Amino acid sequence: FYAKMDLIMKKYIKIADAIAMRIKDGLYTPQTGLPTHRELCSEFMTSRSNLHKVMNLLEERRLIERCRGQRTKIKAREKRTLLFLFFSSIKGHLIDRSGISARLYHGIHRFAEEYNLTLLVQSGENFIRSGCSFGVRIDGIIAGGVNVDKYLPLLQETGAQIVALGSYHQLDLDVFCADYDEAGYHAADSILRRNLKRPLFLMLQFEDEDFLMTSFAKSRNAFQEKLLLHRKITVFHHTVHYKDLAAPGKTVLELFRKIRENNVDSIVYCVNIPYQPLRRFTTVRTLPSVVIDRQMEMDDSDPSMELIDFASERIGYLAARRLYKRMQNPALEPLRILIPCSRTPEQEPQYSNDGDIEQ
């Protein structure tokens, strides 16, 4: 008896889910309405009493509205608003055309366009200074950048659903992060495959002296860990300051000296290094290189350069889609998704048919 009741219950939920999907996909609209109850009972091979439970469930989900004596109506979808916040250590920086933030934004924007959502963008610091207010209702927030975990308690006070990007901290919410460990291992593989013996791992320091992203360190440590197994390989490290790139400044000149004095034979540019200004100089340009994370304006024509790409636009798209699902169902269990990287360009991350990363 109980097994039979459980089967009946599951059936009406499945029917409700199927009709809800058709409404969301635009097959049933406020203009066309739903098929008649007789047609729905016939299609789904169910009873009128079971269909009544289906309609109750759809009404609870705010997809339909019913008035006695009138045909069931499909509710017009409210246009919801997403906010993309990016916290940066560079003062005044929001979306750099060649940076991670821009590529994340493009993915989020593409999803918002497909699902008719309003997308707002602001620097995280400005949003916090404004008292976490935007003057309009915010239904969901995608927050990425520096020290996101530090600001989450304030963001949660807005009452909006939240998805975090790029955080390795244990957070009780959905987190989407590139797999920086994997990127470090792939960079080490590139060095080994090309029989290079004295690579230098290059990192970037921004204006905030406390800012060295966890992601930088994770890729560096994974890179070094794999190469330490090979005694004939010596790994060097160096950090350049953002403000020194154009001049070149002190830390860039120190890089040139370190390359000469240690007979460095290759460079790994780590996560979001704007390396093009450095490549103007022969000392750097002539060395085989590995670039972790694509720059939008990079030159792919150099045969000595290998690329490890995080597909940041894809990360933004998947995060926006997850946020949309959470806005519809806040009770979803939090997910922690590591997005795999790809190596130039033939090895792309594998996705399932509905776009989720294959686990």
Foldseek 3Di string as FASTA:
>chain_A
DVVVVVVLVVLLVVLLVVVVVCDQVPVADQVNFDDDLVVSCVVSVHDSVSVVVSVVVCVVLVQWDDDPPDGIGGDHDDAAEEEEEEEEPAPPDFDDQFALNVLLVLLLVVLCVVNVHHYHYDYPVVCVVVQVDDPDQHAEYEYEYDPPVVCVVSNVVSVHAYEYEADPDDDQAAYEYADLLLLLQVQLVVCVVVVFAEEEEEEEDEPPNVDDDPSSVNSVVSNCVVCVVPVRHDYHYAYAYPVCLQVVDDRLVVVLVCCVVVVHQEYEYDHGDPCVSVCVDPSHVVHQYEYEAGTPPDDPPDPSYKYWHRSSSLSSNVSSVVSVVCSSPVPDGHDYHHGYIAIPPPGHQDADPVSHGDD
